[in-house]
N, C-alpha and C. Protein backbone atom coordinates (compact mmCIF):
# COMPACT_ATOMS: atom_id res chain seq x y z
N MET A 1 0.84 -1.18 0.00
CA MET A 1 0.00 0.00 0.00
C MET A 1 0.89 1.25 0.00
N PRO A 2 0.65 2.16 -0.91
CA PRO A 2 1.46 3.39 -0.96
C PRO A 2 1.32 4.21 0.32
N PRO A 3 2.34 4.95 0.66
CA PRO A 3 2.33 5.74 1.90
C PRO A 3 1.49 7.01 1.79
N GLN A 4 1.39 7.70 2.93
CA GLN A 4 0.70 8.99 2.99
C GLN A 4 1.25 9.93 1.92
N PHE A 5 0.40 10.73 1.35
CA PHE A 5 0.68 11.70 0.29
C PHE A 5 0.87 11.03 -1.08
N ALA A 6 0.39 9.81 -1.21
CA ALA A 6 0.39 9.14 -2.52
C ALA A 6 -0.65 9.82 -3.41
N VAL A 7 -0.36 9.88 -4.69
CA VAL A 7 -1.25 10.50 -5.67
C VAL A 7 -1.88 9.38 -6.52
N TYR A 8 -3.18 9.52 -6.77
CA TYR A 8 -3.94 8.55 -7.56
C TYR A 8 -4.69 9.28 -8.67
N ARG A 9 -4.90 8.59 -9.77
CA ARG A 9 -5.76 9.14 -10.83
C ARG A 9 -7.20 9.13 -10.32
N ASN A 10 -7.90 10.20 -10.56
CA ASN A 10 -9.30 10.32 -10.16
C ASN A 10 -10.14 9.38 -11.00
N GLN A 11 -10.93 8.54 -10.36
CA GLN A 11 -11.78 7.58 -11.06
C GLN A 11 -13.22 8.07 -11.25
N HIS A 12 -13.55 9.21 -10.69
CA HIS A 12 -14.91 9.73 -10.78
C HIS A 12 -15.09 10.44 -12.12
N ARG A 13 -15.87 9.88 -12.99
CA ARG A 13 -16.01 10.40 -14.36
C ARG A 13 -16.52 11.82 -14.44
N ARG A 14 -17.45 12.19 -13.56
CA ARG A 14 -18.05 13.52 -13.65
C ARG A 14 -17.09 14.65 -13.35
N ASN A 15 -16.09 14.41 -12.52
CA ASN A 15 -15.20 15.52 -12.19
C ASN A 15 -13.73 15.25 -12.50
N ARG A 16 -13.47 14.21 -13.25
CA ARG A 16 -12.09 13.84 -13.59
C ARG A 16 -11.36 14.92 -14.38
N ARG A 17 -12.07 15.62 -15.24
CA ARG A 17 -11.43 16.67 -16.03
C ARG A 17 -10.97 17.83 -15.15
N ALA A 18 -11.81 18.22 -14.22
CA ALA A 18 -11.46 19.33 -13.32
C ALA A 18 -10.45 18.90 -12.27
N PHE A 19 -10.55 17.65 -11.82
CA PHE A 19 -9.68 17.13 -10.76
C PHE A 19 -9.06 15.82 -11.22
N PRO A 20 -7.97 15.87 -11.98
CA PRO A 20 -7.40 14.65 -12.55
C PRO A 20 -6.76 13.71 -11.53
N PHE A 21 -6.39 14.23 -10.36
CA PHE A 21 -5.72 13.42 -9.34
C PHE A 21 -6.31 13.70 -7.97
N VAL A 22 -6.13 12.73 -7.06
CA VAL A 22 -6.42 12.92 -5.65
C VAL A 22 -5.19 12.51 -4.85
N VAL A 23 -5.01 13.16 -3.69
CA VAL A 23 -3.89 12.88 -2.80
C VAL A 23 -4.45 12.23 -1.53
N ASP A 24 -3.90 11.09 -1.16
CA ASP A 24 -4.26 10.43 0.10
C ASP A 24 -3.50 11.13 1.22
N VAL A 25 -4.22 11.81 2.10
CA VAL A 25 -3.58 12.57 3.18
C VAL A 25 -3.68 11.87 4.53
N GLN A 26 -4.28 10.71 4.57
CA GLN A 26 -4.47 10.00 5.83
C GLN A 26 -3.16 9.42 6.34
N THR A 27 -2.96 9.46 7.64
CA THR A 27 -1.74 8.92 8.24
C THR A 27 -1.57 7.44 7.94
N ASP A 28 -0.33 7.01 7.82
CA ASP A 28 -0.02 5.60 7.58
C ASP A 28 -0.42 4.73 8.77
N LEU A 29 -0.59 5.32 9.94
CA LEU A 29 -1.01 4.56 11.12
C LEU A 29 -2.39 3.94 10.94
N LEU A 30 -3.18 4.50 10.02
CA LEU A 30 -4.55 4.02 9.79
C LEU A 30 -4.68 3.28 8.46
N LYS A 31 -3.58 2.75 7.94
CA LYS A 31 -3.60 2.12 6.62
C LYS A 31 -4.44 0.85 6.57
N GLU A 32 -4.79 0.29 7.71
CA GLU A 32 -5.61 -0.92 7.73
C GLU A 32 -7.10 -0.63 7.54
N LEU A 33 -7.49 0.63 7.63
CA LEU A 33 -8.89 0.98 7.41
C LEU A 33 -9.26 0.79 5.95
N ASP A 34 -10.52 0.51 5.69
CA ASP A 34 -11.01 0.34 4.32
C ASP A 34 -11.22 1.67 3.62
N THR A 35 -11.13 2.76 4.38
CA THR A 35 -11.33 4.09 3.82
C THR A 35 -10.09 4.94 4.02
N CYS A 36 -10.03 6.03 3.26
CA CYS A 36 -8.95 6.99 3.42
C CYS A 36 -9.50 8.39 3.15
N VAL A 37 -8.73 9.39 3.54
CA VAL A 37 -9.13 10.78 3.33
C VAL A 37 -8.29 11.32 2.18
N VAL A 38 -8.95 11.88 1.18
CA VAL A 38 -8.26 12.39 0.00
C VAL A 38 -8.60 13.85 -0.24
N ILE A 39 -7.69 14.52 -0.95
CA ILE A 39 -7.92 15.90 -1.40
C ILE A 39 -7.63 15.93 -2.89
N PRO A 40 -8.54 16.48 -3.69
CA PRO A 40 -8.29 16.54 -5.13
C PRO A 40 -7.26 17.60 -5.52
N LEU A 41 -6.62 17.34 -6.64
CA LEU A 41 -5.71 18.31 -7.27
C LEU A 41 -6.36 18.81 -8.54
N THR A 42 -6.19 20.10 -8.82
CA THR A 42 -6.68 20.68 -10.06
C THR A 42 -5.57 21.49 -10.71
N SER A 43 -5.60 21.54 -12.02
CA SER A 43 -4.62 22.36 -12.73
C SER A 43 -5.16 23.75 -13.00
N ALA A 44 -6.40 24.01 -12.57
CA ALA A 44 -7.00 25.33 -12.76
C ALA A 44 -6.25 26.36 -11.93
N PRO A 45 -6.16 27.60 -12.42
CA PRO A 45 -5.48 28.64 -11.63
C PRO A 45 -6.20 28.87 -10.32
N ALA A 46 -5.43 29.16 -9.28
CA ALA A 46 -6.01 29.39 -7.95
C ALA A 46 -5.93 30.86 -7.58
N LEU A 47 -6.85 31.28 -6.74
CA LEU A 47 -6.74 32.60 -6.13
C LEU A 47 -5.64 32.50 -5.09
N ILE A 48 -4.71 33.41 -5.11
CA ILE A 48 -3.57 33.28 -4.21
C ILE A 48 -3.57 34.32 -3.10
N GLU A 49 -4.69 34.95 -2.89
CA GLU A 49 -4.79 35.91 -1.80
C GLU A 49 -5.06 35.18 -0.49
N PHE A 50 -4.57 35.76 0.59
CA PHE A 50 -4.83 35.19 1.91
C PHE A 50 -6.34 35.19 2.14
N PRO A 51 -6.95 34.15 2.67
CA PRO A 51 -6.34 32.95 3.20
C PRO A 51 -6.28 31.79 2.20
N LEU A 52 -6.71 32.01 0.99
CA LEU A 52 -6.78 30.89 0.05
C LEU A 52 -5.43 30.28 -0.28
N MET A 53 -4.37 31.06 -0.26
CA MET A 53 -3.06 30.48 -0.58
C MET A 53 -2.64 29.49 0.50
N HIS A 54 -3.13 29.65 1.72
CA HIS A 54 -2.83 28.71 2.79
C HIS A 54 -3.76 27.50 2.72
N LEU A 55 -5.00 27.75 2.36
CA LEU A 55 -6.00 26.70 2.29
C LEU A 55 -5.83 25.85 1.03
N MET A 56 -5.46 26.48 -0.07
CA MET A 56 -5.34 25.79 -1.36
C MET A 56 -3.97 26.08 -1.98
N PRO A 57 -2.92 25.48 -1.42
CA PRO A 57 -1.58 25.76 -1.94
C PRO A 57 -1.36 25.16 -3.31
N THR A 58 -0.48 25.78 -4.05
CA THR A 58 -0.04 25.22 -5.33
C THR A 58 1.16 24.32 -5.05
N ILE A 59 1.06 23.08 -5.53
CA ILE A 59 2.16 22.13 -5.37
C ILE A 59 2.53 21.58 -6.74
N THR A 60 3.71 21.01 -6.85
CA THR A 60 4.17 20.46 -8.12
C THR A 60 4.04 18.96 -8.13
N PHE A 61 3.50 18.43 -9.22
CA PHE A 61 3.42 16.98 -9.42
C PHE A 61 3.72 16.71 -10.89
N GLU A 62 4.62 15.78 -11.14
CA GLU A 62 5.05 15.45 -12.50
C GLU A 62 5.51 16.70 -13.26
N GLY A 63 6.15 17.61 -12.55
CA GLY A 63 6.70 18.81 -13.17
C GLY A 63 5.68 19.89 -13.50
N ARG A 64 4.43 19.71 -13.09
CA ARG A 64 3.38 20.69 -13.39
C ARG A 64 2.77 21.21 -12.09
N PRO A 65 2.34 22.47 -12.08
CA PRO A 65 1.69 23.00 -10.87
C PRO A 65 0.23 22.55 -10.78
N TYR A 66 -0.16 22.19 -9.59
CA TYR A 66 -1.55 21.81 -9.30
C TYR A 66 -1.96 22.52 -8.01
N VAL A 67 -3.23 22.80 -7.91
CA VAL A 67 -3.78 23.40 -6.70
C VAL A 67 -4.41 22.29 -5.87
N LEU A 68 -4.06 22.24 -4.60
CA LEU A 68 -4.64 21.30 -3.65
C LEU A 68 -5.97 21.91 -3.20
N VAL A 69 -7.08 21.28 -3.57
CA VAL A 69 -8.40 21.85 -3.29
C VAL A 69 -8.89 21.31 -1.94
N THR A 70 -8.27 21.80 -0.89
CA THR A 70 -8.51 21.32 0.46
C THR A 70 -9.98 21.38 0.88
N PRO A 71 -10.77 22.40 0.49
CA PRO A 71 -12.19 22.40 0.88
C PRO A 71 -12.97 21.21 0.33
N GLN A 72 -12.41 20.50 -0.64
CA GLN A 72 -13.08 19.33 -1.22
C GLN A 72 -12.61 18.03 -0.57
N LEU A 73 -11.93 18.13 0.58
CA LEU A 73 -11.48 16.96 1.32
C LEU A 73 -12.64 15.98 1.48
N ALA A 74 -12.36 14.69 1.28
CA ALA A 74 -13.44 13.69 1.32
C ALA A 74 -12.92 12.33 1.76
N GLY A 75 -13.82 11.55 2.31
CA GLY A 75 -13.51 10.16 2.61
C GLY A 75 -13.82 9.31 1.39
N LEU A 76 -12.98 8.30 1.17
CA LEU A 76 -13.14 7.44 -0.01
C LEU A 76 -12.74 6.02 0.34
N GLU A 77 -13.46 5.05 -0.18
CA GLU A 77 -13.07 3.65 0.01
C GLU A 77 -11.76 3.41 -0.73
N ARG A 78 -10.82 2.76 -0.07
CA ARG A 78 -9.53 2.48 -0.71
C ARG A 78 -9.71 1.70 -2.01
N ALA A 79 -10.70 0.82 -2.03
CA ALA A 79 -10.95 0.00 -3.23
C ALA A 79 -11.36 0.86 -4.43
N ARG A 80 -11.81 2.10 -4.18
CA ARG A 80 -12.25 2.98 -5.26
C ARG A 80 -11.17 3.96 -5.71
N LEU A 81 -9.99 3.87 -5.09
CA LEU A 81 -8.88 4.72 -5.54
C LEU A 81 -8.46 4.28 -6.93
N GLY A 82 -8.05 5.22 -7.72
CA GLY A 82 -7.53 4.89 -9.04
C GLY A 82 -6.12 4.36 -8.94
N PRO A 83 -5.44 4.25 -10.06
CA PRO A 83 -4.06 3.78 -10.05
C PRO A 83 -3.14 4.75 -9.30
N HIS A 84 -2.25 4.19 -8.51
CA HIS A 84 -1.24 4.99 -7.82
C HIS A 84 -0.25 5.46 -8.87
N VAL A 85 -0.02 6.78 -8.93
CA VAL A 85 0.83 7.33 -10.00
C VAL A 85 2.00 8.14 -9.48
N GLY A 86 2.14 8.26 -8.17
CA GLY A 86 3.27 9.02 -7.65
C GLY A 86 3.03 9.50 -6.24
N SER A 87 3.81 10.48 -5.83
CA SER A 87 3.75 11.01 -4.48
C SER A 87 4.02 12.51 -4.50
N VAL A 88 3.44 13.18 -3.54
CA VAL A 88 3.74 14.59 -3.32
C VAL A 88 4.25 14.78 -1.88
N ALA A 89 4.90 13.76 -1.37
CA ALA A 89 5.41 13.79 0.01
C ALA A 89 6.35 14.96 0.26
N GLU A 90 7.04 15.43 -0.78
CA GLU A 90 7.94 16.57 -0.59
C GLU A 90 7.18 17.84 -0.23
N HIS A 91 5.86 17.84 -0.43
CA HIS A 91 5.02 18.99 -0.11
C HIS A 91 4.24 18.76 1.19
N TRP A 92 4.71 17.84 2.03
CA TRP A 92 3.98 17.46 3.24
C TRP A 92 3.66 18.68 4.13
N HIS A 93 4.58 19.60 4.21
CA HIS A 93 4.36 20.75 5.10
C HIS A 93 3.18 21.60 4.61
N ALA A 94 3.16 21.94 3.34
CA ALA A 94 2.07 22.76 2.77
C ALA A 94 0.73 22.03 2.87
N ILE A 95 0.74 20.72 2.62
CA ILE A 95 -0.50 19.93 2.67
C ILE A 95 -1.02 19.87 4.11
N THR A 96 -0.15 19.56 5.05
CA THR A 96 -0.54 19.47 6.44
C THR A 96 -1.04 20.82 6.96
N PHE A 97 -0.34 21.89 6.58
CA PHE A 97 -0.76 23.22 7.00
C PHE A 97 -2.14 23.55 6.42
N ALA A 98 -2.41 23.17 5.17
CA ALA A 98 -3.70 23.45 4.54
C ALA A 98 -4.84 22.73 5.27
N VAL A 99 -4.60 21.48 5.66
CA VAL A 99 -5.63 20.73 6.39
C VAL A 99 -5.85 21.37 7.76
N GLU A 100 -4.79 21.73 8.42
CA GLU A 100 -4.92 22.38 9.72
C GLU A 100 -5.63 23.73 9.59
N PHE A 101 -5.32 24.46 8.54
CA PHE A 101 -5.98 25.74 8.32
C PHE A 101 -7.47 25.55 8.09
N LEU A 102 -7.84 24.49 7.36
CA LEU A 102 -9.26 24.18 7.12
C LEU A 102 -9.97 23.90 8.45
N LEU A 103 -9.30 23.20 9.33
CA LEU A 103 -9.94 22.80 10.59
C LEU A 103 -9.89 23.86 11.68
N ARG A 104 -8.77 24.61 11.74
CA ARG A 104 -8.57 25.52 12.86
C ARG A 104 -8.51 26.99 12.48
N GLY A 105 -8.26 27.29 11.22
CA GLY A 105 -8.20 28.67 10.77
C GLY A 105 -6.86 29.35 11.01
N PHE A 106 -5.88 28.57 11.42
CA PHE A 106 -4.53 29.12 11.60
C PHE A 106 -3.52 28.01 11.51
């Protein structure tokens, strides 16, 4: 099983164009659960004014910029994840901060 911050191709047909990938942000300590928490990535330009730049940071995947759409955080069955295509673990700080900002506002 891929570790935390693994990237998967979005399998949901209705929003795959807008959100081609999802990032598994759930801790590896809970890898035995049948579900995981994911955040979609979009290549659409993001508003970069505070607080959105903290909530929806731009990260790089496969050499391209993507916006982490943290407000779209969702639970998903692991069996419904698409193919594992990489990792954004090098962006762990921005991702973790975005989730914390969503929950606590700072």
